[in-house]
Protein backbone atom coordinates (compact mmCIF):
# COMPACT_ATOMS: atom_id res chain seq x y z
CA UNK A 1 -6.78 48.33 -45.41
CA UNK A 2 -4.95 45.15 -46.31
CA UNK A 3 -1.66 47.08 -46.12
CA UNK A 4 -2.57 48.45 -42.67
CA UNK A 5 -3.38 44.96 -41.39
CA UNK A 6 -0.06 43.61 -42.68
CA UNK A 7 2.00 46.59 -41.51
CA UNK A 8 0.80 46.43 -37.94
CA UNK A 9 0.20 42.64 -37.79
CA UNK A 10 -3.35 43.16 -36.62
CA UNK A 11 -4.43 39.52 -37.08
CA UNK A 12 -2.99 36.05 -36.83
CA UNK A 13 -4.07 33.36 -39.25
CA UNK A 14 -7.36 31.70 -38.33
CA UNK A 15 -8.31 34.12 -35.55
CA UNK A 16 -11.86 34.80 -34.39
CA UNK A 17 -12.46 38.53 -34.87
CA UNK A 18 -15.35 40.55 -33.50
CA UNK A 19 -16.22 43.53 -35.69
CA UNK A 20 -17.63 46.39 -33.61
CA UNK A 21 -20.51 47.80 -35.67
CA UNK A 22 -22.50 50.78 -34.41
CA UNK A 23 -24.41 51.15 -37.69
CA UNK A 24 -22.52 54.33 -38.65
CA UNK A 25 -20.61 54.77 -41.89
CA UNK A 26 -17.15 53.88 -40.54
CA UNK A 27 -18.13 50.63 -38.86
CA UNK A 28 -20.36 49.52 -41.74
CA UNK A 29 -17.49 50.12 -44.16
CA UNK A 30 -15.18 48.18 -41.84
CA UNK A 31 -17.50 45.16 -41.82
CA UNK A 32 -17.89 45.12 -45.61
CA UNK A 33 -14.16 45.35 -46.28
CA UNK A 34 -13.16 42.88 -43.55
CA UNK A 35 -15.68 40.40 -44.96
CA UNK A 36 -13.88 40.65 -48.32
CA UNK A 37 -10.41 40.38 -46.76
CA UNK A 38 -11.16 37.66 -44.19
CA UNK A 39 -10.20 34.73 -46.49
CA UNK A 40 -6.62 36.10 -46.80
CA UNK A 41 -6.02 35.35 -43.10
CA UNK A 42 -8.72 32.69 -42.62
CA UNK A 43 -10.53 34.97 -40.17
CA UNK A 44 -13.79 33.95 -38.50
CA UNK A 45 -15.89 37.09 -38.11
CA UNK A 46 -18.73 37.94 -35.75
CA UNK A 47 -20.57 41.24 -35.26
CA UNK A 48 -20.58 43.09 -31.91
CA UNK A 49 -23.05 45.86 -31.13
CA UNK A 50 -23.48 47.92 -27.97
CA UNK A 51 -26.84 49.61 -27.43
CA UNK A 52 -26.20 52.59 -25.13
CA UNK A 53 -29.95 53.39 -24.89
CA UNK A 54 -29.10 57.08 -25.16
CA UNK A 55 -31.50 57.93 -28.01
CA UNK A 56 -34.58 55.89 -27.17
CA UNK A 57 -36.14 54.19 -30.19
CA UNK A 58 -33.35 55.47 -32.43
CA UNK A 59 -30.85 53.37 -30.46
CA UNK A 60 -33.07 50.30 -30.78
CA UNK A 61 -33.37 50.88 -34.54
CA UNK A 62 -29.57 51.01 -34.80
CA UNK A 63 -29.34 47.66 -33.04
CA UNK A 64 -31.92 46.13 -35.37
CA UNK A 65 -30.10 47.54 -38.42
CA UNK A 66 -26.85 45.90 -37.33
CA UNK A 67 -28.61 42.61 -36.48
CA UNK A 68 -30.06 42.44 -40.01
CA UNK A 69 -26.67 43.27 -41.52
CA UNK A 70 -25.03 40.42 -39.59
CA UNK A 71 -27.81 38.06 -40.67
CA UNK A 72 -27.39 39.15 -44.32
CA UNK A 73 -23.71 38.15 -44.13
CA UNK A 74 -24.43 34.98 -42.16
CA UNK A 75 -22.32 36.14 -39.23
CA UNK A 76 -22.90 35.59 -35.48
CA UNK A 77 -24.38 38.64 -33.78
CA UNK A 78 -23.52 39.59 -30.16
CA UNK A 79 -25.66 42.35 -28.63
CA UNK A 80 -24.92 44.05 -25.32
CA UNK A 81 -27.14 46.74 -23.76
CA UNK A 82 -26.41 49.35 -21.10
CA UNK A 83 -28.48 52.26 -19.84
CA UNK A 84 -26.17 55.25 -19.99
CA UNK A 85 -29.06 57.70 -20.02
CA UNK A 86 -29.27 57.32 -16.23
CA UNK A 87 -25.62 58.09 -15.57
CA UNK A 88 -24.60 61.38 -13.99
CA UNK A 89 -21.03 61.09 -15.28
CA UNK A 90 -19.50 62.47 -18.45
CA UNK A 91 -21.50 60.77 -21.19
CA UNK A 92 -18.65 60.64 -23.69
CA UNK A 93 -16.32 59.06 -21.16
CA UNK A 94 -19.00 56.69 -19.85
CA UNK A 95 -19.88 55.54 -23.37
CA UNK A 96 -16.22 54.93 -24.17
CA UNK A 97 -15.70 52.92 -20.97
CA UNK A 98 -18.84 50.86 -21.67
CA UNK A 99 -17.61 50.01 -25.18
CA UNK A 100 -14.14 49.05 -23.98
CA UNK A 101 -15.60 46.90 -21.22
CA UNK A 102 -17.85 45.12 -23.74
CA UNK A 103 -14.95 44.50 -26.12
CA UNK A 104 -12.59 43.28 -23.40
CA UNK A 105 -15.20 40.94 -21.97
CA UNK A 106 -15.77 39.47 -25.44
CA UNK A 107 -12.02 38.81 -25.70
CA UNK A 108 -11.54 37.51 -22.15
CA UNK A 109 -14.54 35.17 -22.48
CA UNK A 110 -12.98 33.56 -25.56
CA UNK A 111 -15.80 34.57 -27.91
CA UNK A 112 -13.21 36.44 -30.02
CA UNK A 113 -9.43 36.92 -30.01
CA UNK A 114 -9.52 40.44 -31.49
CA UNK A 115 -12.07 43.25 -31.72
CA UNK A 116 -11.84 45.49 -34.78
CA UNK A 117 -13.20 49.04 -34.47
CA UNK A 118 -13.94 51.60 -37.20
CA UNK A 119 -11.58 54.40 -36.19
CA UNK A 120 -10.27 56.27 -39.23
CA UNK A 121 -7.41 58.66 -39.90
CA UNK A 122 -9.93 61.48 -39.43
CA UNK A 123 -10.68 60.20 -35.92
CA UNK A 124 -6.94 60.06 -35.33
CA UNK A 125 -6.49 63.71 -36.39
CA UNK A 126 -9.35 64.84 -34.15
CA UNK A 127 -7.92 62.93 -31.20
CA UNK A 128 -4.42 64.38 -31.66
CA UNK A 129 -5.81 67.91 -31.84
CA UNK A 130 -8.08 67.35 -28.84
CA UNK A 131 -5.21 66.00 -26.72
CA UNK A 132 -2.83 68.73 -27.84
CA UNK A 133 -5.35 71.35 -26.72
CA UNK A 134 -5.45 69.65 -23.33
CA UNK A 135 -1.66 69.73 -23.00
CA UNK A 136 -0.69 66.12 -23.76
CA UNK A 137 2.92 65.01 -24.25
CA UNK A 138 4.15 62.54 -26.84
CA UNK A 139 2.43 59.65 -25.07
CA UNK A 140 -0.93 61.39 -25.48
CA UNK A 141 -0.17 62.52 -29.03
CA UNK A 142 0.35 58.90 -30.09
CA UNK A 143 -3.45 58.93 -29.71
CA UNK A 144 -5.35 55.99 -31.26
CA UNK A 145 -3.05 52.99 -31.59
CA UNK A 146 -3.44 50.50 -34.47
CA UNK A 147 -3.37 47.61 -31.99
CA UNK A 148 -3.62 47.62 -28.21
CA UNK A 149 -2.20 45.22 -25.65
CA UNK A 150 -5.68 43.91 -24.86
CA UNK A 151 -6.48 42.97 -28.47
CA UNK A 152 -8.40 45.91 -29.96
CA UNK A 153 -7.37 46.70 -33.55
CA UNK A 154 -8.13 49.56 -35.99
CA UNK A 155 -7.84 48.42 -39.64
CA UNK A 156 -9.25 51.74 -41.00
CA UNK A 157 -6.73 53.94 -39.19
CA UNK A 158 -4.86 54.97 -42.36
CA UNK A 159 -8.03 55.87 -44.31
CA UNK A 160 -9.84 59.22 -44.27
CA UNK A 161 -13.52 59.50 -43.44
CA UNK A 162 -14.13 61.01 -46.89
CA UNK A 163 -12.76 57.84 -48.49
CA UNK A 164 -15.06 55.73 -46.33
CA UNK A 165 -18.11 57.70 -47.41
CA UNK A 166 -17.08 57.50 -51.06
CA UNK A 167 -16.67 53.73 -50.78
CA UNK A 168 -20.20 53.33 -49.37
CA UNK A 169 -21.83 55.69 -51.89
CA UNK A 170 -20.12 54.05 -54.87
CA UNK A 171 -21.66 50.72 -53.79
CA UNK A 172 -25.02 52.09 -52.58
CA UNK A 173 -24.37 50.63 -49.12
CA UNK A 174 -26.72 52.09 -46.48
CA UNK A 175 -25.67 53.17 -42.98
CA UNK A 176 -27.20 54.86 -39.96
CA UNK A 177 -26.57 58.45 -38.85
CA UNK A 178 -26.20 59.04 -35.10
CA UNK A 179 -27.99 62.32 -34.33
CA UNK A 180 -25.69 62.99 -31.34
CA UNK A 181 -22.73 63.29 -33.73
CA UNK A 182 -24.13 66.66 -34.83
CA UNK A 183 -24.53 68.05 -31.31
CA UNK A 184 -22.01 70.77 -30.49
CA UNK A 185 -22.47 70.04 -26.79
CA UNK A 186 -19.65 67.52 -27.03
CA UNK A 187 -16.08 68.82 -27.32
CA UNK A 188 -15.12 66.26 -29.96
CA UNK A 189 -18.00 67.34 -32.19
CA UNK A 190 -16.93 70.98 -31.92
CA UNK A 191 -13.46 69.96 -33.05
CA UNK A 192 -14.90 67.82 -35.89
CA UNK A 193 -17.44 70.30 -37.23
CA UNK A 194 -15.91 73.68 -36.38
CA UNK A 195 -12.24 73.87 -35.37
CA UNK A 196 -10.63 71.29 -37.64
CA UNK A 197 -12.47 72.40 -40.81
CA UNK A 198 -11.46 76.03 -40.09
CA UNK A 199 -7.78 75.04 -39.69
CA UNK A 200 -7.91 73.02 -42.92
CA UNK A 201 -9.66 75.84 -44.78
CA UNK A 202 -7.67 78.81 -43.48
CA UNK A 203 -4.25 77.37 -42.65
CA UNK A 204 -3.32 74.06 -44.26
CA UNK A 205 -5.36 71.82 -46.56
CA UNK A 206 -3.20 68.87 -45.46
CA UNK A 207 -3.57 69.59 -41.75
CA UNK A 208 -5.64 66.48 -41.02
CA UNK A 209 -3.02 64.25 -42.62
CA UNK A 210 -0.26 66.09 -40.71
CA UNK A 211 -2.01 65.44 -37.42
CA UNK A 212 -2.31 61.74 -38.22
CA UNK A 213 1.38 61.64 -39.16
CA UNK A 214 2.19 63.29 -35.82
CA UNK A 215 0.39 60.43 -34.08
CA UNK A 216 2.37 57.90 -36.14
CA UNK A 217 5.64 59.66 -35.25
CA UNK A 218 4.73 59.85 -31.56
CA UNK A 219 3.71 56.18 -31.52
CA UNK A 220 7.14 55.14 -32.82
CA UNK A 221 8.80 57.33 -30.17
CA UNK A 222 6.67 55.85 -27.41
CA UNK A 223 7.31 52.28 -28.60
CA UNK A 224 11.04 52.92 -28.23
CA UNK A 225 10.65 54.52 -24.81
CA UNK A 226 8.33 51.75 -23.61
CA UNK A 227 11.16 49.23 -23.94
CA UNK A 228 13.78 51.65 -22.59
CA UNK A 229 11.77 52.68 -19.53
CA UNK A 230 10.95 49.04 -18.84
CA UNK A 231 14.69 48.41 -18.58
CA UNK A 232 15.28 51.50 -16.42
CA UNK A 233 12.33 50.69 -14.14
CA UNK A 234 13.81 47.29 -13.30
CA UNK A 235 17.00 49.04 -12.20
CA UNK A 236 15.68 52.24 -10.60
CA UNK A 237 12.29 51.45 -9.03
CA UNK A 238 12.30 49.64 -5.70
CA UNK A 239 9.03 47.77 -5.01
CA UNK A 240 7.55 47.95 -1.53
CA UNK A 241 4.32 47.20 0.32
CA UNK A 242 1.75 48.99 -1.86
CA UNK A 243 4.40 51.51 -2.85
CA UNK A 244 7.33 52.21 -5.15
CA UNK A 245 10.55 53.98 -4.15
CA UNK A 246 13.00 55.91 -6.31
CA UNK A 247 16.50 57.08 -5.35
CA UNK A 248 16.73 60.81 -6.10
CA UNK A 249 20.52 60.74 -6.37
CA UNK A 250 20.27 58.34 -9.31
CA UNK A 251 17.22 60.04 -10.79
CA UNK A 252 19.03 63.39 -11.03
CA UNK A 253 21.74 61.81 -13.20
CA UNK A 254 19.28 60.75 -15.90
CA UNK A 255 18.50 62.83 -18.99
CA UNK A 256 15.32 64.84 -18.44
CA UNK A 257 13.35 62.82 -21.01
CA UNK A 258 14.18 59.56 -19.23
CA UNK A 259 13.56 61.04 -15.76
CA UNK A 260 10.10 62.24 -16.75
CA UNK A 261 9.14 58.86 -18.12
CA UNK A 262 10.54 57.03 -15.11
CA UNK A 263 8.40 59.17 -12.79
CA UNK A 264 5.36 58.42 -14.94
CA UNK A 265 6.15 54.70 -14.79
CA UNK A 266 6.39 54.84 -10.99
CA UNK A 267 2.95 56.49 -10.84
CA UNK A 268 1.55 53.93 -13.26
CA UNK A 269 2.88 51.04 -11.16
CA UNK A 270 1.08 52.41 -8.10
CA UNK A 271 -2.17 53.51 -9.79
CA UNK A 272 -2.42 51.18 -12.77
CA UNK A 273 -2.89 54.08 -15.21
CA UNK A 274 -1.95 57.71 -15.81
CA UNK A 275 -5.38 59.31 -16.20
CA UNK A 276 -5.33 62.90 -14.91
CA UNK A 277 -1.53 63.00 -14.61
CA UNK A 278 -0.21 66.02 -16.50
CA UNK A 279 3.04 67.90 -17.12
CA UNK A 280 2.76 69.98 -13.93
CA UNK A 281 2.47 66.87 -11.74
CA UNK A 282 5.57 65.26 -13.25
CA UNK A 283 7.50 68.53 -13.21
CA UNK A 284 6.59 69.14 -9.56
CA UNK A 285 7.84 65.69 -8.58
CA UNK A 286 11.14 66.26 -10.40
CA UNK A 287 11.58 69.64 -8.70
CA UNK A 288 11.00 67.99 -5.32
CA UNK A 289 13.52 65.27 -6.23
CA UNK A 290 16.05 67.89 -7.34
CA UNK A 291 16.15 69.65 -3.97
CA UNK A 292 19.50 69.34 -2.20
CA UNK A 293 18.09 67.77 0.95
CA UNK A 294 15.06 67.58 3.18
CA UNK A 295 11.48 66.42 2.96
CA UNK A 296 8.56 67.24 0.72
CA UNK A 297 5.18 66.03 -0.42
CA UNK A 298 3.06 66.29 -3.54
CA UNK A 299 -0.35 64.80 -4.20
CA UNK A 300 -1.64 64.10 -7.71
CA UNK A 301 -4.82 62.26 -8.74
CA UNK A 302 -4.64 58.81 -7.16
CA UNK A 303 -1.04 59.05 -5.94
CA UNK A 304 0.76 60.48 -2.91
CA UNK A 305 4.46 61.28 -3.49
CA UNK A 306 6.74 61.94 -0.52
CA UNK A 307 10.41 62.98 -0.42
CA UNK A 308 12.51 62.00 2.59
CA UNK A 309 16.30 62.20 2.56
CA UNK A 310 17.37 60.79 -0.82
CA UNK A 311 14.18 58.82 -1.49
CA UNK A 312 10.89 59.42 -3.28
CA UNK A 313 7.97 57.24 -2.29
CA UNK A 314 4.97 56.73 -4.59
CA UNK A 315 1.84 55.29 -2.96
CA UNK A 316 -1.93 55.55 -3.09
CA UNK A 317 -3.39 58.16 -0.73
CA UNK A 318 -4.54 56.65 2.57
CA UNK A 319 -7.61 58.39 4.02
CA UNK A 320 -7.40 59.09 7.74
CA UNK A 321 -4.03 57.33 7.96
CA UNK A 322 -3.15 58.87 11.34
CA UNK A 323 -6.18 57.25 12.96
CA UNK A 324 -4.97 53.73 12.11
CA UNK A 325 -1.18 54.03 12.54
CA UNK A 326 -0.97 53.12 16.25
CA UNK A 327 -1.00 49.51 17.42
CA UNK A 328 -0.23 47.64 20.64
CA UNK A 329 -0.61 43.94 21.36
CA UNK A 330 0.84 41.17 23.57
CA UNK A 331 4.04 39.42 22.48
CA UNK A 332 3.66 35.70 23.27
CA UNK A 333 6.81 33.66 23.89
CA UNK A 334 7.46 31.73 21.73
CA UNK A 335 5.60 33.43 18.91
CA UNK A 336 5.67 34.99 15.47
CA UNK A 337 4.26 38.52 15.20
CA UNK A 338 3.26 40.25 11.97
CA UNK A 339 3.94 43.97 12.23
CA UNK A 340 0.97 45.96 10.84
CA UNK A 341 1.61 48.08 7.75
CA UNK A 342 4.95 46.43 6.95
CA UNK A 343 6.45 43.32 5.36
CA UNK A 344 8.11 42.51 8.69
CA UNK A 345 7.65 39.60 11.11
CA UNK A 346 9.20 39.26 14.55
CA UNK A 347 10.05 35.74 15.70
CA UNK A 348 10.44 35.45 19.49
CA UNK A 349 11.87 32.41 21.28
CA UNK A 350 13.78 31.58 24.47
CA UNK A 351 17.05 29.67 24.15
CA UNK A 352 20.02 28.84 26.34
CA UNK A 353 22.69 30.41 24.12
CA UNK A 354 23.43 33.51 22.09
CA UNK A 355 22.80 33.64 18.33
CA UNK A 356 25.67 32.62 16.05
CA UNK A 357 27.17 34.87 13.40
CA UNK A 358 25.89 32.51 10.69
CA UNK A 359 22.34 32.92 11.94
CA UNK A 360 22.69 36.69 12.16
CA UNK A 361 23.90 36.88 8.57
CA UNK A 362 21.16 34.65 7.15
CA UNK A 363 19.87 36.05 3.84
CA UNK A 364 16.31 35.94 5.14
CA UNK A 365 17.07 37.94 8.30
CA UNK A 366 17.26 41.67 8.78
CA UNK A 367 18.88 41.48 12.23
CA UNK A 368 18.80 39.28 15.30
CA UNK A 369 18.88 40.65 18.85
CA UNK A 370 19.47 38.71 22.07
CA UNK A 371 17.99 39.86 25.38
CA UNK A 372 18.76 38.49 28.86
CA UNK A 373 15.53 36.65 29.65
CA UNK A 374 16.00 36.85 33.45
CA UNK A 375 16.16 40.65 33.45
CA UNK A 376 12.61 40.93 32.11
CA UNK A 377 10.02 41.61 34.78
CA UNK A 378 6.67 40.96 33.18
CA UNK A 379 4.60 40.25 30.06
CA UNK A 380 6.02 41.73 26.88
CA UNK A 381 4.14 43.85 24.36
CA UNK A 382 4.87 45.11 20.88
CA UNK A 383 3.74 48.57 19.82
CA UNK A 384 4.73 51.20 17.30
CA UNK A 385 7.16 53.98 18.18
CA UNK A 386 5.52 57.04 19.78
CA UNK A 387 6.82 60.63 20.03
CA UNK A 388 8.99 61.01 23.13
CA UNK A 389 10.18 57.37 23.19
CA UNK A 390 13.78 56.98 24.22
CA UNK A 391 16.15 54.23 25.33
CA UNK A 392 19.87 53.38 25.40
CA UNK A 393 20.82 51.03 22.56
CA UNK A 394 23.70 48.65 23.14
CA UNK A 395 27.06 50.35 22.56
CA UNK A 396 25.86 53.94 23.12
CA UNK A 397 26.93 56.19 26.01
CA UNK A 398 23.43 57.09 27.17
CA UNK A 399 19.71 57.22 26.34
CA UNK A 400 18.72 58.50 22.90
CA UNK A 401 15.36 59.61 21.60
CA UNK A 402 14.21 57.23 18.89
CA UNK A 403 13.41 60.29 16.78
CA UNK A 404 17.11 61.21 17.00
CA UNK A 405 18.08 57.71 15.92
CA UNK A 406 15.80 58.07 12.91
CA UNK A 407 17.79 61.11 11.87
CA UNK A 408 21.15 59.47 12.50
CA UNK A 409 20.22 56.38 10.50
CA UNK A 410 18.47 58.45 7.79
CA UNK A 411 15.21 56.55 8.17
CA UNK A 412 12.62 57.94 5.70
CA UNK A 413 9.46 59.44 7.18
CA UNK A 414 7.11 56.75 5.87
CA UNK A 415 9.10 53.95 7.58
CA UNK A 416 8.72 55.52 11.02
CA UNK A 417 4.95 55.30 11.39
CA UNK A 418 4.72 51.60 12.26
CA UNK A 419 8.27 51.19 13.60
CA UNK A 420 8.05 48.37 16.21
CA UNK A 421 9.46 48.42 19.73
CA UNK A 422 9.29 45.67 22.36
CA UNK A 423 8.37 46.86 25.83
CA UNK A 424 8.51 45.33 29.32
CA UNK A 425 6.10 47.25 31.56
CA UNK A 426 7.11 50.83 30.65
CA UNK A 427 10.67 50.19 29.45
CA UNK A 428 11.81 49.70 25.87
CA UNK A 429 13.63 46.37 25.70
CA UNK A 430 14.36 46.40 21.98
CA UNK A 431 13.70 48.57 18.93
CA UNK A 432 13.56 47.56 15.30
CA UNK A 433 16.95 47.89 13.60
CA UNK A 434 18.47 49.70 16.60
CA UNK A 435 18.65 46.49 18.67
CA UNK A 436 18.37 45.60 22.37
CA UNK A 437 18.59 48.12 25.20
CA UNK A 438 21.98 48.13 26.93
CA UNK A 439 20.51 47.16 30.32
CA UNK A 440 18.77 44.10 28.85
CA UNK A 441 21.37 42.85 26.38
CA UNK A 442 22.41 39.22 26.78
CA UNK A 443 26.00 38.07 27.17
CA UNK A 444 27.80 34.74 27.40
CA UNK A 445 26.89 34.44 31.09
CA UNK A 446 23.14 34.85 30.57
CA UNK A 447 21.40 31.63 31.72
CA UNK A 448 18.55 32.13 29.22
CA UNK A 449 18.22 34.34 26.15
CA UNK A 450 15.18 35.85 24.44
CA UNK A 451 16.08 35.77 20.75
CA UNK A 452 14.37 38.42 18.59
CA UNK A 453 14.61 37.68 14.90
CA UNK A 454 13.41 40.07 12.17
CA UNK A 455 12.35 38.37 8.96
CA UNK A 456 10.69 39.39 5.73
CA UNK A 457 7.47 37.71 4.74
CA UNK A 458 8.71 37.43 1.14
CA UNK A 459 11.39 39.16 -0.91
CA UNK A 460 9.89 41.67 -3.36
CA UNK A 461 10.10 41.08 -7.13
CA UNK A 462 13.46 42.04 -8.55
CA UNK A 463 15.57 41.63 -5.38
CA UNK A 464 15.73 42.13 -1.61
CA UNK A 465 15.33 45.36 0.28
CA UNK A 466 18.86 45.41 1.71
CA UNK A 467 20.30 46.32 -1.68
CA UNK A 468 19.17 49.88 -0.94
CA UNK A 469 21.84 52.01 0.78
CA UNK A 470 21.04 53.68 4.07
CA UNK A 471 18.19 51.48 5.29
CA UNK A 472 17.50 47.78 5.54
CA UNK A 473 13.81 48.60 5.45
CA UNK A 474 13.60 50.92 2.42
CA UNK A 475 10.75 49.76 0.24
CA UNK A 476 8.38 48.81 3.04
CA UNK A 477 5.15 50.61 3.77
CA UNK A 478 6.43 51.92 7.12
């Protein structure tokens, strides 16, 4: 165990370490050995126990057993209790989430800097087999990690369960048996008591060790890819308003292994995790990205992926989005208007002269349009584009449907929903990105000018949106 701690740098000198002790053989062994090794790193140990209340008095007896063990060693004891018996969810998953929450809270509160758990190489083998049966890739096969980003460590991960039991028996150290560990209702128990022993007996006596080595191999692979995909994500993923965009033309040039991981990273940035995302989801997204042209859509757990022109957009699903897309409100002069569902603001003011080229090229501006103030007949309003809208932009021979302009300018579908237009009575005076209407455009002889300035609220991390070809608004919600 000392070699495992050193190899993976599980502890820093002088750290406060919480030892998660359920009362079972693995965690009791962990506490005994860590108590012996603690002086090598100057560790300050405490004992953490979670009472799930799943087995009535048996659960309470486990908690009391661990409390007495902590007292015997003179260590602080931290008890947390939850009532999982009342949950309707998957008990295994709920218990795991409750433990992780307890451990993370202990770390975030400052009670401990690390939490050590009693996972062994046997647990690792079971986890690898379980995930393989469910169709995991190398990320899933890396299974139980020796140390996690949030400070949970596994000092027993290179030791078999049989060695743990032998250690305890040789020293007459007592432990508690959890009766639920024998129940074949749980998938992990069926793997532990039936499938894995059969594979060891009938196929390969070293199968358990091979599975653990597979996890070690996969972990090294994933550690490499973690750094590599971090570099690629900074270059390929365009952050937006609650979304991430990916250029399909660049994606298709990547090796398949990198493309798959980049898609997974985009999903993770939107969702925060990859639970429920499998091979078919990633493969479906890549097939959609590989199409020559056109639009497409794929929904996976917790993420909505759309293809429009050369872009993929990753976002969380929005329930009843059509019901909330339309807006319409007065446009006060002067005034600053935030456009719903976007990172865009419109600044409206009346001036006596046209905008200068320096102002129009300001790094903070998308575009600036000037409208002849005296040609406007009434109060102005801002609303989103609606089907059937048309007007004649400056410099065009006649009226154009805004939908046609979307096609000409290759505006992705998701940008169109909240696309703002400025209206005077029933006429479109100005449209986002397409500029003023020809009949309203200001010139040098206009006695007064309505200046319409488009600005971003803040540049996104990693750059500005206008570094994306084909649209000054790529990366926004809509």
